[in-house]
């Protein structure tokens, strides 16, 4: 499969002179755009920003975020924070983050501002052009300080240790503004210079590899087993229908959490896949028995990485572990060398993917103090309550950046 287009897209122009020229000639402009006012004029600048982002995040790219806002973003107070290099709409876009007020912080009635995410959004790192990370946070915090939005700023689901985390901590340190990592998780990441076979041998014990080979042979005895990889939009509608039926037939359908359990999540899924395909950022994989899908998965591509979005499998064939067999086939990503990593987007300690992928990506929640006596009082009261509960429950917040210092 030809992935030369992805390789070309991975070659970002870091610190492009024309963007620095814009900044030297004009002052960055920050605006809070109501989501109802998002129009087609923003599309080109948004796409350009995503391609030049310091940290890829498909969940805030327009083909994913806009369907999410359409289906789930009904709060009239939701805004897109946009940082332009100069005149809004007539200069390069430097950063983007969806934001909105939230009435509660966990169990506490503490109104605050938070980056917007929905249940199928698995990363909250802002889209920021490479080289402008500190300017982004400076302008966002200044804009929030002077706004009438309440409480403190909470950033949910941001990569720990990445350029955006480092810039946020540096800005807050310079401004003597509290910035606390209040929660962290570690999820499976596929990243290696090894071939798929070498990685499989290095990650799994020989006994486990033998077991997967045995299951593969047993499955082949049932009929014609094929593995498929699909890039682009060819056959997408039929494939999406199959995925939704397969997922709903299993435990997610029984407990009402399958994508096809509601018209909103079903429509969102279809729109997101169609948008990713149109943008050249969709990869679909499946394993079939005599043409019938036994396991299916969706990857979203955003060079230099990718994100594992959704998987489904036929529970009637669970004795053959088709989901695991498909993920082993997915390791062939390593042989293509078009991308550097895949974020599993799975929960911490996932029983299947954690045993197959040995690296981890750390994701955190950050609480940041805003200016104003009332805001500081809310922030410090919430932080005191969190600290006490953490001690009572004996929990530990893992900050991998401290171990590397």
Protein backbone atom coordinates (compact mmCIF):
# COMPACT_ATOMS: atom_id res chain seq x y z
CA UNK A 1 0.00 0.00 0.00
CA UNK A 2 1.42 3.37 -1.07
CA UNK A 3 1.79 5.72 1.89
CA UNK A 4 4.05 8.27 0.18
CA UNK A 5 1.44 10.97 0.75
CA UNK A 6 1.67 10.43 4.51
CA UNK A 7 5.44 10.58 4.35
CA UNK A 8 5.25 13.91 2.53
CA UNK A 9 2.76 15.26 5.09
CA UNK A 10 5.09 14.23 7.92
CA UNK A 11 7.75 16.67 6.68
CA UNK A 12 6.62 19.73 8.63
CA UNK A 13 8.14 23.15 8.08
CA UNK A 14 9.26 23.94 11.59
CA UNK A 15 9.46 27.67 12.34
CA UNK A 16 8.46 28.78 8.84
CA UNK A 17 9.79 32.30 8.26
CA UNK A 18 6.53 33.64 6.88
CA UNK A 19 4.74 33.06 10.19
CA UNK A 20 7.47 34.83 12.14
CA UNK A 21 7.23 37.67 9.62
CA UNK A 22 3.52 37.95 10.37
CA UNK A 23 4.26 38.18 14.08
CA UNK A 24 6.97 40.79 13.69
CA UNK A 25 4.68 42.91 11.53
CA UNK A 26 1.57 42.60 13.68
CA UNK A 27 0.37 41.61 17.13
CA UNK A 28 -1.20 38.16 17.70
CA UNK A 29 -4.98 38.39 18.05
CA UNK A 30 -6.91 36.10 20.36
CA UNK A 31 -10.67 35.64 20.03
CA UNK A 32 -13.35 33.43 21.56
CA UNK A 33 -15.54 32.32 18.64
CA UNK A 34 -19.03 30.97 19.43
CA UNK A 35 -19.26 27.49 17.90
CA UNK A 36 -22.43 28.56 16.07
CA UNK A 37 -20.28 31.07 14.14
CA UNK A 38 -17.82 28.50 12.76
CA UNK A 39 -18.01 28.76 8.98
CA UNK A 40 -16.21 27.53 5.87
CA UNK A 41 -13.82 30.50 5.90
CA UNK A 42 -12.00 28.93 8.84
CA UNK A 43 -11.42 25.59 7.08
CA UNK A 44 -8.19 26.35 5.23
CA UNK A 45 -6.46 27.98 8.20
CA UNK A 46 -7.63 25.15 10.50
CA UNK A 47 -6.28 22.47 8.16
CA UNK A 48 -2.98 24.30 7.81
CA UNK A 49 -2.67 24.57 11.60
CA UNK A 50 -3.30 20.83 12.05
CA UNK A 51 -0.57 19.99 9.55
CA UNK A 52 1.92 22.22 11.33
CA UNK A 53 0.87 21.36 14.89
CA UNK A 54 3.48 20.98 17.58
CA UNK A 55 1.63 17.88 18.82
CA UNK A 56 -0.79 16.07 16.51
CA UNK A 57 -4.31 15.77 17.87
CA UNK A 58 -6.89 14.45 15.41
CA UNK A 59 -9.62 14.97 18.02
CA UNK A 60 -9.35 18.73 17.52
CA UNK A 61 -8.96 18.62 13.76
CA UNK A 62 -11.98 20.06 12.01
CA UNK A 63 -13.23 16.83 10.39
CA UNK A 64 -13.49 15.29 13.89
CA UNK A 65 -14.33 18.27 16.13
CA UNK A 66 -17.06 19.78 13.98
CA UNK A 67 -19.25 16.63 13.87
CA UNK A 68 -18.71 16.30 17.62
CA UNK A 69 -19.90 19.85 18.20
CA UNK A 70 -22.87 19.27 15.90
CA UNK A 71 -24.01 16.14 17.75
CA UNK A 72 -22.94 16.85 21.35
CA UNK A 73 -21.96 20.52 21.68
CA UNK A 74 -25.34 22.02 22.51
CA UNK A 75 -24.08 24.36 25.25
CA UNK A 76 -24.53 27.93 23.90
CA UNK A 77 -21.54 29.04 26.00
CA UNK A 78 -19.08 26.82 24.12
CA UNK A 79 -16.34 28.75 22.32
CA UNK A 80 -13.38 28.10 20.07
CA UNK A 81 -10.34 29.93 21.37
CA UNK A 82 -8.46 31.01 18.25
CA UNK A 83 -5.03 32.64 18.22
CA UNK A 84 -4.25 34.38 14.94
CA UNK A 85 -0.84 35.72 13.90
CA UNK A 86 -2.52 39.03 13.02
CA UNK A 87 -5.90 40.03 11.65
CA UNK A 88 -8.40 37.20 12.36
CA UNK A 89 -9.24 35.32 9.21
CA UNK A 90 -6.50 37.06 7.22
CA UNK A 91 -3.37 35.69 8.87
CA UNK A 92 -2.04 32.26 9.84
CA UNK A 93 -3.80 30.48 12.69
CA UNK A 94 -1.37 29.83 15.54
CA UNK A 95 -3.55 27.88 17.96
CA UNK A 96 -7.02 26.47 18.61
CA UNK A 97 -8.80 25.04 21.64
CA UNK A 98 -12.52 24.45 22.30
CA UNK A 99 -13.53 25.78 25.72
CA UNK A 100 -16.59 26.13 27.87
CA UNK A 101 -17.72 26.73 31.45
CA UNK A 102 -18.40 23.70 33.66
CA UNK A 103 -20.54 23.86 36.81
CA UNK A 104 -18.85 21.09 38.80
CA UNK A 105 -15.32 19.84 39.36
CA UNK A 106 -15.75 16.16 40.14
CA UNK A 107 -18.11 16.14 43.12
CA UNK A 108 -17.40 19.75 44.02
CA UNK A 109 -19.79 22.58 43.00
CA UNK A 110 -16.94 24.67 41.56
CA UNK A 111 -17.70 26.53 38.35
CA UNK A 112 -14.64 26.80 36.09
CA UNK A 113 -13.45 26.82 32.46
CA UNK A 114 -12.40 23.58 30.74
CA UNK A 115 -11.32 22.42 27.31
CA UNK A 116 -14.30 20.74 25.67
CA UNK A 117 -14.27 16.98 25.08
CA UNK A 118 -17.00 14.40 24.55
CA UNK A 119 -17.10 10.67 25.34
CA UNK A 120 -15.46 9.72 22.04
CA UNK A 121 -12.72 12.35 22.27
CA UNK A 122 -9.56 10.79 23.72
CA UNK A 123 -7.03 13.64 23.72
CA UNK A 124 -7.40 17.26 24.80
CA UNK A 125 -4.01 18.69 23.79
CA UNK A 126 -4.53 22.04 22.02
CA UNK A 127 -3.67 22.43 18.35
CA UNK A 128 -0.72 24.85 18.35
CA UNK A 129 1.69 25.68 15.56
CA UNK A 130 5.23 24.48 16.18
CA UNK A 131 7.33 27.20 17.79
CA UNK A 132 4.39 29.16 19.22
CA UNK A 133 3.59 27.07 22.28
CA UNK A 134 4.49 29.73 24.88
CA UNK A 135 2.74 32.52 22.96
CA UNK A 136 -0.39 30.36 22.82
CA UNK A 137 -0.56 29.88 26.60
CA UNK A 138 0.34 33.51 27.32
CA UNK A 139 -2.45 34.77 25.07
CA UNK A 140 -5.01 32.23 26.32
CA UNK A 141 -4.35 32.98 29.99
CA UNK A 142 -4.40 36.73 29.36
CA UNK A 143 -7.70 36.42 27.51
CA UNK A 144 -9.23 34.33 30.30
CA UNK A 145 -7.93 36.70 32.99
CA UNK A 146 -9.73 39.59 31.34
CA UNK A 147 -12.91 37.64 30.56
CA UNK A 148 -15.96 37.11 32.74
CA UNK A 149 -15.58 33.34 32.71
CA UNK A 150 -15.48 31.83 36.21
CA UNK A 151 -13.05 30.03 38.44
CA UNK A 152 -9.88 28.48 37.10
CA UNK A 153 -8.75 26.81 33.87
CA UNK A 154 -8.77 23.03 33.68
CA UNK A 155 -7.08 21.26 30.78
CA UNK A 156 -8.27 17.67 30.49
CA UNK A 157 -6.43 14.93 28.60
CA UNK A 158 -3.18 16.67 27.65
CA UNK A 159 0.00 14.78 26.84
CA UNK A 160 2.41 14.97 29.79
CA UNK A 161 5.98 15.96 28.97
CA UNK A 162 5.22 17.20 25.45
CA UNK A 163 5.96 20.69 24.08
CA UNK A 164 2.56 22.03 25.15
CA UNK A 165 2.96 20.76 28.72
CA UNK A 166 6.49 22.16 28.93
CA UNK A 167 5.40 25.54 27.59
CA UNK A 168 2.42 25.74 29.96
CA UNK A 169 4.57 25.05 33.00
CA UNK A 170 7.20 27.56 31.85
CA UNK A 171 4.63 30.33 31.28
CA UNK A 172 2.95 29.71 34.63
CA UNK A 173 6.31 29.68 36.38
CA UNK A 174 7.32 33.01 34.77
CA UNK A 175 3.97 34.53 35.76
CA UNK A 176 4.07 33.01 39.26
CA UNK A 177 0.74 31.37 38.48
CA UNK A 178 -0.15 28.00 40.03
CA UNK A 179 -0.28 25.15 37.54
CA UNK A 180 -0.85 21.70 39.01
CA UNK A 181 -0.92 18.25 37.44
CA UNK A 182 -3.94 16.83 39.27
CA UNK A 183 -4.40 13.45 37.57
CA UNK A 184 -2.39 11.20 35.26
CA UNK A 185 -2.86 7.95 33.36
CA UNK A 186 -0.58 5.86 31.16
CA UNK A 187 -1.97 4.20 28.05
CA UNK A 188 -0.44 1.82 25.55
CA UNK A 189 1.71 3.29 22.78
CA UNK A 190 3.21 1.49 19.78
CA UNK A 191 6.59 3.02 18.96
CA UNK A 192 9.70 1.12 17.93
CA UNK A 193 12.51 0.88 15.40
CA UNK A 194 12.07 -2.90 15.31
CA UNK A 195 10.26 -4.79 12.55
CA UNK A 196 6.81 -6.13 13.37
CA UNK A 197 8.15 -9.67 13.84
CA UNK A 198 11.06 -8.53 16.01
CA UNK A 199 8.77 -6.36 18.10
CA UNK A 200 6.33 -9.22 18.56
CA UNK A 201 9.14 -11.49 19.75
CA UNK A 202 10.58 -8.84 22.07
CA UNK A 203 7.23 -7.93 23.63
CA UNK A 204 5.49 -11.29 24.09
CA UNK A 205 6.78 -14.37 25.82
CA UNK A 206 7.32 -17.41 23.64
CA UNK A 207 4.43 -19.24 25.28
CA UNK A 208 2.02 -16.43 24.38
CA UNK A 209 3.25 -16.23 20.79
CA UNK A 210 2.76 -19.96 20.44
CA UNK A 211 -0.80 -19.62 21.78
CA UNK A 212 -1.70 -16.90 19.25
CA UNK A 213 -0.25 -18.98 16.41
CA UNK A 214 -2.34 -21.94 17.55
CA UNK A 215 -5.51 -19.85 17.62
CA UNK A 216 -4.74 -18.50 14.16
CA UNK A 217 -4.38 -22.03 12.80
CA UNK A 218 -7.62 -23.13 14.44
CA UNK A 219 -9.43 -20.16 12.93
CA UNK A 220 -8.05 -21.01 9.48
CA UNK A 221 -9.60 -24.45 9.84
CA UNK A 222 -13.04 -22.80 9.97
CA UNK A 223 -12.83 -21.39 6.44
CA UNK A 224 -11.12 -18.69 4.36
CA UNK A 225 -9.47 -16.16 6.70
CA UNK A 226 -8.39 -12.82 5.24
CA UNK A 227 -6.87 -9.66 6.66
CA UNK A 228 -7.80 -6.35 5.08
CA UNK A 229 -6.31 -2.88 5.16
CA UNK A 230 -8.27 0.00 3.63
CA UNK A 231 -7.13 3.58 3.04
CA UNK A 232 -9.52 6.13 1.63
CA UNK A 233 -13.25 6.15 1.03
CA UNK A 234 -13.72 3.10 -1.22
CA UNK A 235 -16.45 0.89 0.29
CA UNK A 236 -16.60 3.10 3.38
CA UNK A 237 -20.39 3.19 3.83
CA UNK A 238 -20.76 -0.60 3.75
CA UNK A 239 -17.72 -1.07 5.99
CA UNK A 240 -19.12 1.45 8.52
CA UNK A 241 -22.47 -0.37 8.55
CA UNK A 242 -20.67 -3.64 9.27
CA UNK A 243 -18.65 -2.07 12.09
CA UNK A 244 -21.72 -0.60 13.78
CA UNK A 245 -23.61 -3.90 13.57
CA UNK A 246 -20.63 -5.86 14.88
CA UNK A 247 -20.11 -3.55 17.85
CA UNK A 248 -23.81 -3.41 18.74
CA UNK A 249 -24.11 -7.21 18.68
CA UNK A 250 -21.65 -7.46 21.59
CA UNK A 251 -21.51 -6.34 25.19
CA UNK A 252 -21.54 -2.65 24.26
CA UNK A 253 -24.89 -3.10 22.59
CA UNK A 254 -26.25 -4.88 25.66
CA UNK A 255 -25.28 -2.07 28.03
CA UNK A 256 -26.24 0.71 25.62
CA UNK A 257 -22.74 2.09 25.02
CA UNK A 258 -22.36 0.98 21.38
CA UNK A 259 -22.03 3.75 18.82
CA UNK A 260 -25.25 2.61 17.15
CA UNK A 261 -27.17 2.75 20.45
CA UNK A 262 -28.11 6.37 19.78
CA UNK A 263 -28.67 8.33 16.56
CA UNK A 264 -26.26 11.05 17.74
CA UNK A 265 -23.24 8.78 18.25
CA UNK A 266 -24.02 6.80 15.10
CA UNK A 267 -24.22 9.98 13.00
CA UNK A 268 -21.04 11.32 14.61
CA UNK A 269 -19.13 8.11 13.82
CA UNK A 270 -20.22 8.13 10.18
CA UNK A 271 -19.37 11.81 9.77
CA UNK A 272 -15.96 11.45 11.45
CA UNK A 273 -14.95 8.48 9.28
CA UNK A 274 -16.14 10.21 6.11
CA UNK A 275 -14.25 13.37 7.08
CA UNK A 276 -11.06 11.44 7.88
CA UNK A 277 -11.29 9.61 4.55
CA UNK A 278 -11.74 12.88 2.65
CA UNK A 279 -8.70 14.30 4.45
CA UNK A 280 -6.60 11.21 3.65
CA UNK A 281 -6.30 10.35 7.34
CA UNK A 282 -8.34 7.15 7.66
CA UNK A 283 -7.06 3.60 7.93
CA UNK A 284 -9.42 0.64 8.45
CA UNK A 285 -8.35 -2.92 9.20
CA UNK A 286 -10.38 -6.11 9.51
CA UNK A 287 -10.14 -9.87 9.78
CA UNK A 288 -12.81 -11.88 7.97
CA UNK A 289 -13.94 -15.48 7.83
CA UNK A 290 -15.47 -16.33 4.46
CA UNK A 291 -16.13 -12.62 3.99
CA UNK A 292 -17.81 -12.16 7.39
CA UNK A 293 -16.09 -9.60 9.66
CA UNK A 294 -14.79 -11.10 12.93
CA UNK A 295 -12.87 -8.03 14.12
CA UNK A 296 -12.55 -4.48 12.81
CA UNK A 297 -10.56 -1.42 13.84
CA UNK A 298 -10.26 2.24 12.91
CA UNK A 299 -6.99 4.19 12.97
CA UNK A 300 -6.79 7.93 12.36
CA UNK A 301 -3.55 9.14 10.79
CA UNK A 302 -1.89 12.42 11.70
CA UNK A 303 1.82 12.40 10.81
CA UNK A 304 4.14 11.74 12.47
CA UNK A 305 1.71 9.56 14.44
CA UNK A 306 -1.65 7.84 14.45
CA UNK A 307 -4.49 7.20 16.87
CA UNK A 308 -6.32 3.92 17.42
CA UNK A 309 -9.93 5.07 17.61
CA UNK A 310 -12.36 2.14 17.76
CA UNK A 311 -12.34 -1.67 17.65
CA UNK A 312 -15.10 -4.26 17.52
CA UNK A 313 -15.14 -8.05 17.40
CA UNK A 314 -17.59 -10.93 17.03
CA UNK A 315 -18.09 -12.39 20.50
CA UNK A 316 -19.35 -15.69 19.04
CA UNK A 317 -15.77 -16.27 17.87
CA UNK A 318 -14.11 -15.05 21.06
CA UNK A 319 -12.47 -18.46 21.57
CA UNK A 320 -10.23 -17.58 18.62
CA UNK A 321 -9.39 -14.08 19.96
CA UNK A 322 -9.97 -12.35 16.59
CA UNK A 323 -9.39 -8.92 18.15
CA UNK A 324 -5.91 -9.95 19.30
CA UNK A 325 -5.12 -11.54 15.92
CA UNK A 326 -6.11 -8.30 14.21
CA UNK A 327 -3.94 -6.24 16.55
CA UNK A 328 -1.00 -8.54 15.81
CA UNK A 329 -1.63 -7.87 12.12
CA UNK A 330 -1.77 -4.16 13.00
CA UNK A 331 1.88 -4.41 14.13
CA UNK A 332 2.81 -4.37 10.42
CA UNK A 333 2.50 -0.60 10.79
CA UNK A 334 6.11 -0.82 12.02
CA UNK A 335 7.29 -2.20 8.69
CA UNK A 336 5.86 0.70 6.66
CA UNK A 337 7.99 3.36 8.40
CA UNK A 338 5.61 6.06 7.19
CA UNK A 339 4.68 7.03 10.77
CA UNK A 340 6.53 6.95 14.08
CA UNK A 341 3.88 5.88 16.62
CA UNK A 342 0.29 4.87 17.30
CA UNK A 343 -1.52 6.06 20.42
CA UNK A 344 -3.91 3.28 21.47
CA UNK A 345 -6.33 5.77 23.12
CA UNK A 346 -7.13 2.84 25.44
CA UNK A 347 -7.74 3.00 29.15
CA UNK A 348 -4.84 2.45 31.54
CA UNK A 349 -4.09 -1.23 32.24
CA UNK A 350 -6.17 -2.39 29.30
CA UNK A 351 -6.04 -6.21 29.51
CA UNK A 352 -5.47 -6.79 25.78
CA UNK A 353 -3.51 -3.93 24.20
CA UNK A 354 -1.20 -3.42 27.20
CA UNK A 355 0.11 -6.96 26.71
CA UNK A 356 0.87 -6.33 23.02
CA UNK A 357 2.31 -2.80 23.10
CA UNK A 358 5.15 -2.16 25.53
CA UNK A 359 5.49 1.63 25.47
CA UNK A 360 3.24 4.06 27.34
CA UNK A 361 1.94 7.57 26.70
CA UNK A 362 1.19 9.64 29.80
CA UNK A 363 -1.94 11.78 29.73
CA UNK A 364 -2.83 14.29 32.43
CA UNK A 365 -5.29 16.81 33.81
CA UNK A 366 -3.94 20.26 34.65
CA UNK A 367 -5.54 22.95 36.83
CA UNK A 368 -4.31 26.50 36.25
CA UNK A 369 -4.94 29.55 38.42
CA UNK A 370 -6.57 32.62 36.85
CA UNK A 371 -6.28 36.18 38.13
CA UNK A 372 -8.86 37.69 40.49
CA UNK A 373 -9.58 37.25 44.20
CA UNK A 374 -12.70 35.13 43.72
CA UNK A 375 -11.04 32.95 41.10
CA UNK A 376 -8.00 32.35 43.29
CA UNK A 377 -10.24 31.46 46.23
CA UNK A 378 -12.12 28.90 44.12
CA UNK A 379 -8.89 27.45 42.74
CA UNK A 380 -7.21 27.10 46.13
CA UNK A 381 -10.31 25.69 47.77
CA UNK A 382 -10.63 23.03 45.08
CA UNK A 383 -6.94 22.18 45.24
CA UNK A 384 -7.07 21.85 49.02
CA UNK A 385 -10.03 19.49 48.74
CA UNK A 386 -8.27 17.44 46.04
CA UNK A 387 -5.09 17.18 48.08
CA UNK A 388 -6.97 15.95 51.14
CA UNK A 389 -8.92 13.35 49.15
CA UNK A 390 -5.73 12.14 47.47
CA UNK A 391 -4.13 11.55 50.86
CA UNK A 392 -7.22 9.89 52.31
CA UNK A 393 -7.53 7.49 49.37
CA UNK A 394 -3.78 6.87 49.22
CA UNK A 395 -3.56 7.76 45.56
CA UNK A 396 -0.39 8.85 43.80
CA UNK A 397 -0.26 11.22 40.84
CA UNK A 398 2.53 10.05 38.53
CA UNK A 399 4.41 12.87 36.81
CA UNK A 400 6.93 11.26 34.42
CA UNK A 401 8.64 14.62 33.87
CA UNK A 402 9.90 14.53 37.48
CA UNK A 403 11.54 11.14 36.95
CA UNK A 404 13.45 12.46 33.94
CA UNK A 405 14.91 15.44 35.82
